[in-house]
Amino acid sequence: KIRGKKVNLTLIKKELEKIEGMAFVEVISTELNNESAIGIFYNTKNKRHLSNIEINKILNGNIPYHIIFLEEVPLLTSKKVDKRKLEMILKEDMKFSAEANI
């Protein structure tokens, strides 16, 4: 749950994967200083960046999110996505956003 709303990360990921040109998508959630947020990590075949309008259509509501374009997807030696690394990136982005809003 994020801000009292039940959030289905798998459904969000599937909807994002439908966007034309999407090469990679991962959606995670994390918490930093009692604030929860969704991290949308992606890469496109044509290096096109997603717009907030596209994301808002999928999220349908007031859910805090961070859109992060990845030049390279962090992988473990097993070639699986390194979700711990994604969480670290998301937390850094949340921290930066919080500091920018002070």
Protein backbone atom coordinates (compact mmCIF):
# COMPACT_ATOMS: atom_id res chain seq x y z
CA LYS A 1 0.00 0.00 0.00
CA ILE A 2 1.11 3.50 -0.82
CA ARG A 3 -0.73 6.37 0.86
CA GLY A 4 -3.44 3.93 1.85
CA LYS A 5 -3.99 2.74 -1.72
CA LYS A 6 -3.39 -0.84 -2.77
CA VAL A 7 -0.94 -0.80 -5.68
CA ASN A 8 -0.39 -3.73 -8.05
CA LEU A 9 3.17 -3.34 -9.32
CA THR A 10 2.85 -6.29 -11.72
CA LEU A 11 -0.19 -4.73 -13.40
CA ILE A 12 1.60 -1.38 -13.73
CA LYS A 13 4.61 -3.13 -15.28
CA LYS A 14 2.41 -5.00 -17.78
CA GLU A 15 0.69 -1.77 -18.83
CA LEU A 16 4.03 0.00 -19.30
CA GLU A 17 5.35 -2.90 -21.39
CA LYS A 18 2.51 -2.23 -23.86
CA ILE A 19 3.95 1.18 -24.75
CA GLU A 20 5.46 1.08 -28.21
CA GLY A 21 9.25 0.88 -28.28
CA MET A 22 9.65 -0.24 -24.68
CA ALA A 23 12.78 -2.39 -24.31
CA PHE A 24 12.91 -2.82 -20.53
CA VAL A 25 10.58 -2.04 -17.63
CA GLU A 26 10.84 -2.75 -13.92
CA VAL A 27 8.55 -1.33 -11.24
CA ILE A 28 9.47 -1.44 -7.56
CA SER A 29 8.33 0.28 -4.41
CA THR A 30 10.38 1.42 -1.46
CA GLU A 31 10.22 3.64 1.59
CA LEU A 32 12.52 6.43 2.69
CA ASN A 33 11.95 8.53 5.83
CA ASN A 34 8.39 7.18 6.20
CA GLU A 35 7.54 8.14 2.61
CA SER A 36 6.65 5.40 0.14
CA ALA A 37 7.02 5.69 -3.61
CA ILE A 38 7.03 3.67 -6.79
CA GLY A 39 10.11 3.58 -8.99
CA ILE A 40 9.52 3.07 -12.71
CA PHE A 41 12.76 2.05 -14.37
CA TYR A 42 12.78 1.75 -18.13
CA ASN A 43 14.69 1.81 -21.37
CA THR A 44 13.28 2.22 -24.86
CA LYS A 45 14.53 0.95 -28.20
CA ASN A 46 14.67 4.48 -29.59
CA LYS A 47 15.88 6.18 -26.34
CA ARG A 48 12.53 8.02 -26.11
CA HIS A 49 11.66 9.25 -22.64
CA LEU A 50 8.24 8.59 -21.13
CA SER A 51 6.03 11.53 -20.33
CA ASN A 52 4.20 12.16 -17.08
CA ILE A 53 0.96 12.03 -19.07
CA GLU A 54 1.69 8.44 -20.16
CA ILE A 55 2.51 7.42 -16.59
CA ASN A 56 -0.52 9.17 -15.05
CA LYS A 57 -2.85 7.34 -17.46
CA ILE A 58 -1.54 4.05 -16.11
CA LEU A 59 -1.36 4.96 -12.40
CA ASN A 60 -4.83 6.54 -12.18
CA GLY A 61 -4.36 8.57 -9.08
CA ASN A 62 -2.26 10.35 -6.55
CA ILE A 63 0.53 7.80 -6.15
CA PRO A 64 4.04 9.20 -5.72
CA TYR A 65 6.35 7.88 -8.40
CA HIS A 66 9.79 8.43 -9.84
CA ILE A 67 10.50 7.78 -13.52
CA ILE A 68 14.07 6.71 -14.10
CA PHE A 69 15.51 6.14 -17.57
CA LEU A 70 18.32 3.59 -17.52
CA GLU A 71 21.05 3.65 -20.13
CA GLU A 72 22.14 0.24 -18.83
CA VAL A 73 20.13 -2.22 -16.78
CA PRO A 74 22.00 -3.33 -13.64
CA LEU A 75 22.37 -7.09 -13.74
CA LEU A 76 23.56 -9.73 -11.31
CA THR A 77 26.14 -12.27 -12.45
CA SER A 78 23.18 -14.60 -13.10
CA LYS A 79 21.93 -12.05 -15.71
CA LYS A 80 18.83 -11.25 -13.61
CA VAL A 81 17.91 -7.64 -12.85
CA ASP A 82 19.65 -6.37 -9.72
CA LYS A 83 16.60 -5.10 -7.81
CA ARG A 84 18.72 -4.06 -4.83
CA LYS A 85 20.66 -1.73 -7.11
CA LEU A 86 17.37 -0.37 -8.50
CA GLU A 87 16.15 0.26 -4.95
CA MET A 88 19.37 2.15 -4.15
CA ILE A 89 18.90 4.29 -7.27
CA LEU A 90 15.26 4.97 -6.33
CA LYS A 91 16.17 5.99 -2.78
CA GLU A 92 18.84 8.38 -4.10
CA ASP A 93 16.26 9.90 -6.44
CA MET A 94 13.74 10.24 -3.59
CA LYS A 95 16.39 11.86 -1.40
CA PHE A 96 17.36 14.30 -4.16
CA SER A 97 13.70 15.18 -4.82
CA ALA A 98 13.05 15.77 -1.13
CA GLU A 99 16.09 18.04 -0.84
CA ALA A 100 15.08 19.97 -3.97
CA ASN A 101 11.62 20.62 -2.47
CA ILE A 102 12.96 22.13 0.76
